[in-house]
Amino acid sequence: MIAILKRYTKRDLKRMAFAIICGYIGLLVFLYAAQRSFIYVPDRHMESPEYYGVRGYEVVQVTTEDGLTLSGWYHAPSSPVAPIIVYFHGNGGSLIQRTERANLYAQAGYGVLFGEYRGYGGNPGQPSQDGLFADARAYIDWLRARGVTDDKVILYGESLGTGVATYVAAEYAPGIRGLVLESPYTSLGDIGRMRFFFVPVDLMLKDKFDTKSRIGTVKVPVLIIHGRHDMIVPFKYGERVYQAANAPKLFREFSDAGHNDLYPKGAWPVVREFMDALAQ
C-alpha cells in the first residue's frame, strides 16, 4: 500500500481525498432527500374489499387534521361485548396484503378497523411520521364519533405500524383495552444505524418512530410477538421493547419464523387467546 501511494504526488492525493469527500457528501445529500422512499413503500392501488375476497367490510372515510380524506375498512363486531381491533400495518404494500387477516378477525367475531395511511391504497398525501400519527388520530376519532369508547379498542401494530400503535396507546388513547405489537422495533434510528452504519443517522433521520421511549407510559396489557429469524427487524429489538414495557405484558417468540410469516408459523392462536382474554 505504501509503495502504491508513493506513485502519487501530494497533489494527486489531495485530489483523491477531495473526490472521496465530495462523493461522501453527495451520498449523504441523496440519502437525506430520499430517505422516506426507503421507509415507506406503498401500494397505491385499491379496489373494494369484496374485490379481494374480504366479506362484511365497508369502506369508511375519515378526515385528518390537515384536511386529507382517507379510506379504510371497517367490520362491525358480532356482539356488543366484542372488542374492536384498530389495525396499523407495516411500511410495505397496503390493505391488499392483509386480506387473510381481515377475514380471520371478522370470523372470530371482532370488530375491525383497518386504518389505511395517507399515500397508501389510493389515499392522497405523502407518508411521514407526523402524517401517520395524524391518520391514526383520525381513525380513533371516527370510532369515538360513533359512540365507541376507547376501552372497547385493541390496538394492533404490525412492523412499522407498531410505532403508530404505540404512539396512540401512549399519547392519544391511553384508555384502550390492550396493545398487540408484531415485530416491533425500538426506533427507526436504531434500525437505520444498523443498516447505514456509515452515515450520521441521528442527525439525518426525519421520522424517528421512537417506540421504546413511549412504551413505558402505556398502562394496558401488551402482547409482543416476534420471529427469531427476523432479518428486517431483528429479534433483539422486540426483546428490548418488551423489557421497556410495563406489566401486564406477554412476549411470544416464534423460533422458526422471520418477519412476514408469523401467522403461518402459529402466531394467530396466540393473538386470539390474548384478545379473547381482554374481552372477558
C-alpha atoms as a PDB file:
ATOM      1  CA  MET A   1       0.000   0.000   0.000  1.00  0.00           C
ATOM      2  CA  ILE A   2       2.825   2.411   0.881  1.00  0.00           C
ATOM      3  CA  ALA A   3       4.570   1.639  -2.410  1.00  0.00           C
ATOM      4  CA  ILE A   4       1.398   2.377  -4.316  1.00  0.00           C
ATOM      5  CA  LEU A   5       0.863   5.684  -2.527  1.00  0.00           C
ATOM      6  CA  LYS A   6       4.431   6.747  -3.356  1.00  0.00           C
ATOM      7  CA  ARG A   7       3.497   6.697  -7.034  1.00  0.00           C
ATOM      8  CA  TYR A   8       1.177   9.655  -6.450  1.00  0.00           C
ATOM      9  CA  THR A   9       2.173  13.243  -5.809  1.00  0.00           C
ATOM     10  CA  LYS A  10       0.739  15.198  -2.891  1.00  0.00           C
ATOM     11  CA  ARG A  11      -1.494  16.998  -5.364  1.00  0.00           C
ATOM     12  CA  ASP A  12      -2.834  13.670  -6.619  1.00  0.00           C
ATOM     13  CA  LEU A  13      -3.552  12.513  -3.088  1.00  0.00           C
ATOM     14  CA  LYS A  14      -5.331  15.774  -2.278  1.00  0.00           C
ATOM     15  CA  ARG A  15      -7.459  15.401  -5.376  1.00  0.00           C
ATOM     16  CA  MET A  16      -8.334  11.845  -4.445  1.00  0.00           C
ATOM     17  CA  ALA A  17      -9.221  12.875  -0.890  1.00  0.00           C
ATOM     18  CA  PHE A  18     -11.325  15.750  -2.219  1.00  0.00           C
ATOM     19  CA  ALA A  19     -13.144  13.418  -4.617  1.00  0.00           C
ATOM     20  CA  ILE A  20     -13.848  10.938  -1.817  1.00  0.00           C
ATOM     21  CA  ILE A  21     -15.147  13.680   0.455  1.00  0.00           C
ATOM     22  CA  CYS A  22     -17.358  15.117  -2.285  1.00  0.00           C
ATOM     23  CA  GLY A  23     -18.677  11.647  -3.104  1.00  0.00           C
ATOM     24  CA  TYR A  24     -19.497  11.012   0.563  1.00  0.00           C
ATOM     25  CA  ILE A  25     -21.246  14.369   0.900  1.00  0.00           C
ATOM     26  CA  GLY A  26     -23.196  13.607  -2.273  1.00  0.00           C
ATOM     27  CA  LEU A  27     -24.234  10.267  -0.813  1.00  0.00           C
ATOM     28  CA  LEU A  28     -25.418  11.972   2.384  1.00  0.00           C
ATOM     29  CA  VAL A  29     -27.432  14.507   0.402  1.00  0.00           C
ATOM     30  CA  PHE A  30     -29.045  11.722  -1.627  1.00  0.00           C
ATOM     31  CA  LEU A  31     -29.893   9.635   1.451  1.00  0.00           C
ATOM     32  CA  TYR A  32     -31.325  12.636   3.270  1.00  0.00           C
ATOM     33  CA  ALA A  33     -33.501  13.635   0.340  1.00  0.00           C
ATOM     34  CA  ALA A  34     -34.647  10.107  -0.499  1.00  0.00           C
ATOM     35  CA  GLN A  35     -34.954   8.621   2.993  1.00  0.00           C
ATOM     36  CA  ARG A  36     -38.746   8.453   3.027  1.00  0.00           C
ATOM     37  CA  SER A  37     -38.731   6.441  -0.186  1.00  0.00           C
ATOM     38  CA  PHE A  38     -36.719   3.808   1.712  1.00  0.00           C
ATOM     39  CA  ILE A  39     -39.022   3.874   4.747  1.00  0.00           C
ATOM     40  CA  TYR A  40     -42.420   3.926   3.021  1.00  0.00           C
ATOM     41  CA  VAL A  41     -43.074   1.513   0.155  1.00  0.00           C
ATOM     42  CA  PRO A  42     -46.804   1.864  -0.552  1.00  0.00           C
ATOM     43  CA  ASP A  43     -49.061   0.016  -2.927  1.00  0.00           C
ATOM     44  CA  ARG A  44     -51.172   2.923  -4.138  1.00  0.00           C
ATOM     45  CA  HIS A  45     -53.882   0.879  -5.853  1.00  0.00           C
ATOM     46  CA  MET A  46     -57.112  -0.134  -4.137  1.00  0.00           C
ATOM     47  CA  GLU A  47     -60.455  -1.730  -5.028  1.00  0.00           C
ATOM     48  CA  SER A  48     -63.384  -2.560  -2.744  1.00  0.00           C
ATOM     49  CA  PRO A  49     -62.868  -5.193  -0.008  1.00  0.00           C
ATOM     50  CA  GLU A  50     -65.174  -7.601  -1.881  1.00  0.00           C
ATOM     51  CA  TYR A  51     -62.866  -7.445  -4.896  1.00  0.00           C
ATOM     52  CA  TYR A  52     -60.171  -9.083  -2.772  1.00  0.00           C
ATOM     53  CA  GLY A  53     -62.470 -11.682  -1.229  1.00  0.00           C
ATOM     54  CA  VAL A  54     -62.991  -9.794   2.036  1.00  0.00           C
ATOM     55  CA  ARG A  55     -66.619 -10.104   3.138  1.00  0.00           C
ATOM     56  CA  GLY A  56     -68.589  -7.995   5.580  1.00  0.00           C
ATOM     57  CA  TYR A  57     -66.335  -4.935   5.448  1.00  0.00           C
ATOM     58  CA  GLU A  58     -67.380  -1.477   4.385  1.00  0.00           C
ATOM     59  CA  VAL A  59     -65.184   1.317   3.105  1.00  0.00           C
ATOM     60  CA  VAL A  60     -65.211   4.195   5.584  1.00  0.00           C
ATOM     61  CA  GLN A  61     -63.780   7.666   5.233  1.00  0.00           C
ATOM     62  CA  VAL A  62     -62.103   9.836   7.814  1.00  0.00           C
ATOM     63  CA  THR A  63     -60.780  13.382   7.640  1.00  0.00           C
ATOM     64  CA  THR A  64     -57.404  14.229   9.141  1.00  0.00           C
ATOM     65  CA  GLU A  65     -56.468  17.426  10.930  1.00  0.00           C
ATOM     66  CA  ASP A  66     -54.582  18.585   7.844  1.00  0.00           C
ATOM     67  CA  GLY A  67     -57.577  18.095   5.601  1.00  0.00           C
ATOM     68  CA  LEU A  68     -56.951  14.738   3.926  1.00  0.00           C
ATOM     69  CA  THR A  69     -59.836  12.362   3.326  1.00  0.00           C
ATOM     70  CA  LEU A  70     -58.657   8.790   3.871  1.00  0.00           C
ATOM     71  CA  SER A  71     -60.413   5.499   3.215  1.00  0.00           C
ATOM     72  CA  GLY A  72     -60.123   2.469   5.486  1.00  0.00           C
ATOM     73  CA  TRP A  73     -62.008  -0.794   6.010  1.00  0.00           C
ATOM     74  CA  TYR A  74     -64.435  -1.428   8.853  1.00  0.00           C
ATOM     75  CA  HIS A  75     -66.215  -4.557  10.075  1.00  0.00           C
ATOM     76  CA  ALA A  76     -68.721  -4.254  12.908  1.00  0.00           C
ATOM     77  CA  PRO A  77     -68.287  -6.545  15.944  1.00  0.00           C
ATOM     78  CA  SER A  78     -70.512  -9.608  16.137  1.00  0.00           C
ATOM     79  CA  SER A  79     -71.782  -8.677  19.605  1.00  0.00           C
ATOM     80  CA  PRO A  80     -71.919  -5.592  21.829  1.00  0.00           C
ATOM     81  CA  VAL A  81     -69.215  -7.001  24.112  1.00  0.00           C
ATOM     82  CA  ALA A  82     -66.741  -7.911  21.369  1.00  0.00           C
ATOM     83  CA  PRO A  83     -63.728  -5.572  21.176  1.00  0.00           C
ATOM     84  CA  ILE A  84     -62.763  -3.645  18.066  1.00  0.00           C
ATOM     85  CA  ILE A  85     -59.281  -4.131  16.614  1.00  0.00           C
ATOM     86  CA  VAL A  86     -57.748  -0.978  15.171  1.00  0.00           C
ATOM     87  CA  TYR A  87     -55.004  -2.229  12.874  1.00  0.00           C
ATOM     88  CA  PHE A  88     -51.976  -0.291  11.606  1.00  0.00           C
ATOM     89  CA  HIS A  89     -49.945  -2.225   9.048  1.00  0.00           C
ATOM     90  CA  GLY A  90     -46.296  -2.202   8.057  1.00  0.00           C
ATOM     91  CA  ASN A  91     -44.378   0.011   5.668  1.00  0.00           C
ATOM     92  CA  GLY A  92     -44.932  -2.061   2.531  1.00  0.00           C
ATOM     93  CA  GLY A  93     -47.977  -2.675   0.370  1.00  0.00           C
ATOM     94  CA  SER A  94     -51.440  -1.728   1.603  1.00  0.00           C
ATOM     95  CA  LEU A  95     -54.555  -3.415   2.985  1.00  0.00           C
ATOM     96  CA  ILE A  96     -54.470  -5.691  -0.065  1.00  0.00           C
ATOM     97  CA  GLN A  97     -51.715  -7.734   1.592  1.00  0.00           C
ATOM     98  CA  ARG A  98     -53.750  -8.077   4.845  1.00  0.00           C
ATOM     99  CA  THR A  99     -56.929  -9.635   3.441  1.00  0.00           C
ATOM    100  CA  GLU A 100     -56.344 -13.022   5.074  1.00  0.00           C
ATOM    101  CA  ARG A 101     -56.074 -11.354   8.450  1.00  0.00           C
ATOM    102  CA  ALA A 102     -59.171  -9.285   7.747  1.00  0.00           C
ATOM    103  CA  ASN A 103     -61.153 -12.489   7.289  1.00  0.00           C
ATOM    104  CA  LEU A 104     -59.602 -14.157  10.355  1.00  0.00           C
ATOM    105  CA  TYR A 105     -60.529 -11.283  12.655  1.00  0.00           C
ATOM    106  CA  ALA A 106     -64.070 -10.978  11.298  1.00  0.00           C
ATOM    107  CA  GLN A 107     -64.682 -14.730  11.555  1.00  0.00           C
ATOM    108  CA  ALA A 108     -63.561 -14.587  15.183  1.00  0.00           C
ATOM    109  CA  GLY A 109     -66.304 -12.040  15.887  1.00  0.00           C
ATOM    110  CA  TYR A 110     -64.149  -8.972  16.488  1.00  0.00           C
ATOM    111  CA  GLY A 111     -64.909  -5.563  15.184  1.00  0.00           C
ATOM    112  CA  VAL A 112     -62.089  -4.412  12.926  1.00  0.00           C
ATOM    113  CA  LEU A 113     -60.983  -1.034  11.647  1.00  0.00           C
ATOM    114  CA  PHE A 114     -58.091  -1.189   9.201  1.00  0.00           C
ATOM    115  CA  GLY A 115     -56.676   2.320   9.213  1.00  0.00           C
ATOM    116  CA  GLU A 116     -55.090   2.815   5.811  1.00  0.00           C
ATOM    117  CA  TYR A 117     -52.418   5.511   5.717  1.00  0.00           C
ATOM    118  CA  ARG A 118     -52.024   8.588   3.567  1.00  0.00           C
ATOM    119  CA  GLY A 119     -50.271   7.726   0.313  1.00  0.00           C
ATOM    120  CA  TYR A 120     -51.288   4.065   0.590  1.00  0.00           C
ATOM    121  CA  GLY A 121     -54.150   2.170  -1.032  1.00  0.00           C
ATOM    122  CA  GLY A 122     -55.441   5.012  -3.162  1.00  0.00           C
ATOM    123  CA  ASN A 123     -55.338   7.593  -0.362  1.00  0.00           C
ATOM    124  CA  PRO A 124     -53.989  11.097  -1.024  1.00  0.00           C
ATOM    125  CA  GLY A 125     -50.925  12.595   0.617  1.00  0.00           C
ATOM    126  CA  GLN A 126     -47.376  11.542   1.321  1.00  0.00           C
ATOM    127  CA  PRO A 127     -46.489   9.394   4.346  1.00  0.00           C
ATOM    128  CA  SER A 128     -44.379  10.676   7.221  1.00  0.00           C
ATOM    129  CA  GLN A 129     -44.252  10.043  10.951  1.00  0.00           C
ATOM    130  CA  ASP A 130     -46.385  13.068  11.813  1.00  0.00           C
ATOM    131  CA  GLY A 131     -48.714  12.240   8.945  1.00  0.00           C
ATOM    132  CA  LEU A 132     -49.262   8.654  10.073  1.00  0.00           C
ATOM    133  CA  PHE A 133     -49.858   9.826  13.634  1.00  0.00           C
ATOM    134  CA  ALA A 134     -52.480  12.259  12.330  1.00  0.00           C
ATOM    135  CA  ASP A 135     -54.071   9.438  10.315  1.00  0.00           C
ATOM    136  CA  ALA A 136     -54.238   7.256  13.423  1.00  0.00           C
ATOM    137  CA  ARG A 137     -55.915  10.006  15.425  1.00  0.00           C
ATOM    138  CA  ALA A 138     -58.489  10.450  12.662  1.00  0.00           C
ATOM    139  CA  TYR A 139     -59.429   6.750  12.759  1.00  0.00           C
ATOM    140  CA  ILE A 140     -59.736   6.767  16.549  1.00  0.00           C
ATOM    141  CA  ASP A 141     -61.880   9.888  16.326  1.00  0.00           C
ATOM    142  CA  TRP A 142     -64.087   8.177  13.713  1.00  0.00           C
ATOM    143  CA  LEU A 143     -64.833   5.410  16.206  1.00  0.00           C
ATOM    144  CA  ARG A 144     -65.398   7.864  19.043  1.00  0.00           C
ATOM    145  CA  ALA A 145     -67.877   9.820  16.934  1.00  0.00           C
ATOM    146  CA  ARG A 146     -69.883   6.607  16.553  1.00  0.00           C
ATOM    147  CA  GLY A 147     -70.066   6.024  20.272  1.00  0.00           C
ATOM    148  CA  VAL A 148     -67.213   3.536  20.572  1.00  0.00           C
ATOM    149  CA  THR A 149     -65.351   4.181  23.807  1.00  0.00           C
ATOM    150  CA  ASP A 150     -61.599   3.697  23.962  1.00  0.00           C
ATOM    151  CA  ASP A 151     -61.901   0.775  26.359  1.00  0.00           C
ATOM    152  CA  LYS A 152     -63.533  -1.227  23.552  1.00  0.00           C
ATOM    153  CA  VAL A 153     -60.433  -0.841  21.365  1.00  0.00           C
ATOM    154  CA  ILE A 154     -57.477  -3.190  20.962  1.00  0.00           C
ATOM    155  CA  LEU A 155     -54.685  -1.545  19.020  1.00  0.00           C
ATOM    156  CA  TYR A 156     -52.685  -3.776  16.682  1.00  0.00           C
ATOM    157  CA  GLY A 157     -49.402  -2.636  15.166  1.00  0.00           C
ATOM    158  CA  GLU A 158     -47.506  -4.604  12.545  1.00  0.00           C
ATOM    159  CA  SER A 159     -43.831  -3.770  11.896  1.00  0.00           C
ATOM    160  CA  LEU A 160     -43.741  -0.032  11.083  1.00  0.00           C
ATOM    161  CA  GLY A 161     -47.282   0.160  12.447  1.00  0.00           C
ATOM    162  CA  THR A 162     -46.034  -0.816  15.914  1.00  0.00           C
ATOM    163  CA  GLY A 163     -44.655   2.703  16.207  1.00  0.00           C
ATOM    164  CA  VAL A 164     -48.039   4.139  15.228  1.00  0.00           C
ATOM    165  CA  ALA A 165     -49.995   1.882  17.590  1.00  0.00           C
ATOM    166  CA  THR A 166     -47.638   2.587  20.491  1.00  0.00           C
ATOM    167  CA  TYR A 167     -47.957   6.321  19.919  1.00  0.00           C
ATOM    168  CA  VAL A 168     -51.753   6.078  20.064  1.00  0.00           C
ATOM    169  CA  ALA A 169     -51.694   3.961  23.232  1.00  0.00           C
ATOM    170  CA  ALA A 170     -49.175   6.220  24.927  1.00  0.00           C
ATOM    171  CA  GLU A 171     -50.334   9.675  23.926  1.00  0.00           C
ATOM    172  CA  TYR A 172     -53.748   9.773  22.281  1.00  0.00           C
ATOM    173  CA  ALA A 173     -55.888   6.947  23.640  1.00  0.00           C
ATOM    174  CA  PRO A 174     -54.313   5.687  26.866  1.00  0.00           C
ATOM    175  CA  GLY A 175     -57.628   4.160  27.931  1.00  0.00           C
ATOM    176  CA  ILE A 176     -57.672   1.427  25.289  1.00  0.00           C
ATOM    177  CA  ARG A 177     -58.192  -2.196  26.275  1.00  0.00           C
ATOM    178  CA  GLY A 178     -54.902  -3.633  25.037  1.00  0.00           C
ATOM    179  CA  LEU A 179     -51.992  -3.395  22.617  1.00  0.00           C
ATOM    180  CA  VAL A 180     -50.555  -6.024  20.250  1.00  0.00           C
ATOM    181  CA  LEU A 181     -47.156  -5.396  18.676  1.00  0.00           C
ATOM    182  CA  GLU A 182     -45.984  -7.660  15.869  1.00  0.00           C
ATOM    183  CA  SER A 183     -42.243  -7.453  15.127  1.00  0.00           C
ATOM    184  CA  PRO A 184     -41.687  -4.133  16.911  1.00  0.00           C
ATOM    185  CA  TYR A 185     -38.529  -2.014  16.723  1.00  0.00           C
ATOM    186  CA  THR A 186     -37.089   0.229  19.408  1.00  0.00           C
ATOM    187  CA  SER A 187     -36.829   3.164  17.000  1.00  0.00           C
ATOM    188  CA  LEU A 188     -36.175   3.761  13.325  1.00  0.00           C
ATOM    189  CA  GLY A 189     -32.918   5.359  14.409  1.00  0.00           C
ATOM    190  CA  ASP A 190     -31.716   2.017  15.756  1.00  0.00           C
ATOM    191  CA  ILE A 191     -32.713   0.248  12.538  1.00  0.00           C
ATOM    192  CA  GLY A 192     -31.092   2.975  10.470  1.00  0.00           C
ATOM    193  CA  ARG A 193     -27.796   2.802  12.350  1.00  0.00           C
ATOM    194  CA  MET A 194     -27.752  -0.963  11.851  1.00  0.00           C
ATOM    195  CA  ARG A 195     -28.183  -0.694   8.074  1.00  0.00           C
ATOM    196  CA  PHE A 196     -26.459   2.625   7.360  1.00  0.00           C
ATOM    197  CA  PHE A 197     -23.606   2.482   9.856  1.00  0.00           C
ATOM    198  CA  PHE A 198     -21.508   4.737   7.624  1.00  0.00           C
ATOM    199  CA  VAL A 199     -23.779   7.799   7.906  1.00  0.00           C
ATOM    200  CA  PRO A 200     -24.821  10.032  10.855  1.00  0.00           C
ATOM    201  CA  VAL A 201     -28.328   8.608  11.076  1.00  0.00           C
ATOM    202  CA  ASP A 202     -29.327  10.508  14.209  1.00  0.00           C
ATOM    203  CA  LEU A 203     -28.622  13.841  12.515  1.00  0.00           C
ATOM    204  CA  MET A 204     -30.306  12.934   9.231  1.00  0.00           C
ATOM    205  CA  LEU A 205     -33.396  10.932  10.176  1.00  0.00           C
ATOM    206  CA  LYS A 206     -36.670  12.828   9.804  1.00  0.00           C
ATOM    207  CA  ASP A 207     -39.069  10.162  11.100  1.00  0.00           C
ATOM    208  CA  LYS A 208     -37.869   8.577  14.329  1.00  0.00           C
ATOM    209  CA  PHE A 209     -40.818   6.425  15.485  1.00  0.00           C
ATOM    210  CA  ASP A 210     -39.236   6.053  18.926  1.00  0.00           C
ATOM    211  CA  THR A 211     -41.293   3.156  20.266  1.00  0.00           C
ATOM    212  CA  LYS A 212     -39.001   2.364  23.177  1.00  0.00           C
ATOM    213  CA  SER A 213     -39.325   5.845  24.681  1.00  0.00           C
ATOM    214  CA  ARG A 214     -43.143   5.647  24.533  1.00  0.00           C
ATOM    215  CA  ILE A 215     -43.902   2.064  25.552  1.00  0.00           C
ATOM    216  CA  GLY A 216     -43.014   2.788  29.170  1.00  0.00           C
ATOM    217  CA  THR A 217     -46.013   5.097  29.502  1.00  0.00           C
ATOM    218  CA  VAL A 218     -48.507   2.510  28.203  1.00  0.00           C
ATOM    219  CA  LYS A 219     -50.523   1.140  31.138  1.00  0.00           C
ATOM    220  CA  VAL A 220     -52.645  -1.509  29.410  1.00  0.00           C
ATOM    221  CA  PRO A 221     -51.874  -5.192  28.707  1.00  0.00           C
ATOM    222  CA  VAL A 222     -49.316  -5.640  25.940  1.00  0.00           C
ATOM    223  CA  LEU A 223     -48.601  -8.654  23.740  1.00  0.00           C
ATOM    224  CA  ILE A 224     -45.392  -8.711  21.695  1.00  0.00           C
ATOM    225  CA  ILE A 225     -44.786 -11.381  19.051  1.00  0.00           C
ATOM    226  CA  HIS A 226     -41.518 -11.705  17.157  1.00  0.00           C
ATOM    227  CA  GLY A 227     -39.780 -14.196  14.885  1.00  0.00           C
ATOM    228  CA  ARG A 228     -36.362 -15.395  15.956  1.00  0.00           C
ATOM    229  CA  HIS A 229     -35.134 -15.267  12.334  1.00  0.00           C
ATOM    230  CA  ASP A 230     -36.450 -11.810  11.539  1.00  0.00           C
ATOM    231  CA  MET A 231     -33.918 -10.226   9.178  1.00  0.00           C
ATOM    232  CA  ILE A 232     -35.792  -6.929   8.766  1.00  0.00           C
ATOM    233  CA  VAL A 233     -36.396  -6.048  12.420  1.00  0.00           C
ATOM    234  CA  PRO A 234     -34.002  -8.300  14.353  1.00  0.00           C
ATOM    235  CA  PHE A 235     -35.381 -10.252  17.296  1.00  0.00           C
ATOM    236  CA  LYS A 236     -33.305  -8.288  19.826  1.00  0.00           C
ATOM    237  CA  TYR A 237     -35.359  -5.167  19.198  1.00  0.00           C
ATOM    238  CA  GLY A 238     -38.589  -6.910  20.127  1.00  0.00           C
ATOM    239  CA  GLU A 239     -36.929  -8.096  23.334  1.00  0.00           C
ATOM    240  CA  ARG A 240     -35.846  -4.553  24.170  1.00  0.00           C
ATOM    241  CA  VAL A 241     -39.335  -3.170  23.620  1.00  0.00           C
ATOM    242  CA  TYR A 242     -40.695  -5.887  25.891  1.00  0.00           C
ATOM    243  CA  GLN A 243     -38.163  -5.045  28.593  1.00  0.00           C
ATOM    244  CA  ALA A 244     -39.192  -1.384  28.463  1.00  0.00           C
ATOM    245  CA  ALA A 245     -42.929  -2.159  28.641  1.00  0.00           C
ATOM    246  CA  ASN A 246     -44.973  -2.183  31.828  1.00  0.00           C
ATOM    247  CA  ALA A 247     -46.775  -5.212  33.224  1.00  0.00           C
ATOM    248  CA  PRO A 248     -49.069  -6.852  32.428  1.00  0.00           C
ATOM    249  CA  LYS A 249     -47.136  -7.897  29.358  1.00  0.00           C
ATOM    250  CA  LEU A 250     -46.519 -11.043  27.354  1.00  0.00           C
ATOM    251  CA  PHE A 251     -43.735 -11.917  24.918  1.00  0.00           C
ATOM    252  CA  ARG A 252     -44.023 -14.799  22.473  1.00  0.00           C
ATOM    253  CA  GLU A 253     -41.063 -15.919  20.410  1.00  0.00           C
ATOM    254  CA  PHE A 254     -41.533 -17.923  17.213  1.00  0.00           C
ATOM    255  CA  SER A 255     -38.308 -19.812  16.768  1.00  0.00           C
ATOM    256  CA  ASP A 256     -38.746 -20.740  13.100  1.00  0.00           C
ATOM    257  CA  ALA A 257     -40.368 -17.512  11.876  1.00  0.00           C
ATOM    258  CA  GLY A 258     -38.993 -14.442  10.145  1.00  0.00           C
ATOM    259  CA  HIS A 259     -40.598 -11.053   9.618  1.00  0.00           C
ATOM    260  CA  ASN A 260     -43.532 -11.806   7.338  1.00  0.00           C
ATOM    261  CA  ASP A 261     -44.550 -15.353   8.276  1.00  0.00           C
ATOM    262  CA  LEU A 262     -45.571 -15.139  11.927  1.00  0.00           C
ATOM    263  CA  TYR A 263     -49.191 -16.112  11.286  1.00  0.00           C
ATOM    264  CA  PRO A 264     -48.309 -19.183   9.162  1.00  0.00           C
ATOM    265  CA  LYS A 265     -45.874 -20.162  11.942  1.00  0.00           C
ATOM    266  CA  GLY A 266     -48.535 -20.129  14.666  1.00  0.00           C
ATOM    267  CA  ALA A 267     -48.980 -16.540  15.847  1.00  0.00           C
ATOM    268  CA  TRP A 268     -52.732 -16.281  15.257  1.00  0.00           C
ATOM    269  CA  PRO A 269     -53.815 -18.634  18.107  1.00  0.00           C
ATOM    270  CA  VAL A 270     -51.563 -16.675  20.475  1.00  0.00           C
ATOM    271  CA  VAL A 271     -53.004 -13.353  19.345  1.00  0.00           C
ATOM    272  CA  ARG A 272     -56.553 -14.640  19.564  1.00  0.00           C
ATOM    273  CA  GLU A 273     -56.064 -16.057  23.069  1.00  0.00           C
ATOM    274  CA  PHE A 274     -54.693 -12.700  24.232  1.00  0.00           C
ATOM    275  CA  MET A 275     -57.551 -10.721  22.708  1.00  0.00           C
ATOM    276  CA  ASP A 276     -60.189 -13.144  23.949  1.00  0.00           C
ATOM    277  CA  ALA A 277     -58.821 -12.748  27.479  1.00  0.00           C
ATOM    278  CA  LEU A 278     -59.114  -8.975  27.143  1.00  0.00           C
ATOM    279  CA  ALA A 279     -62.723  -9.327  26.024  1.00  0.00           C
ATOM    280  CA  GLN A 280     -63.782 -11.043  29.258  1.00  0.00           C
END
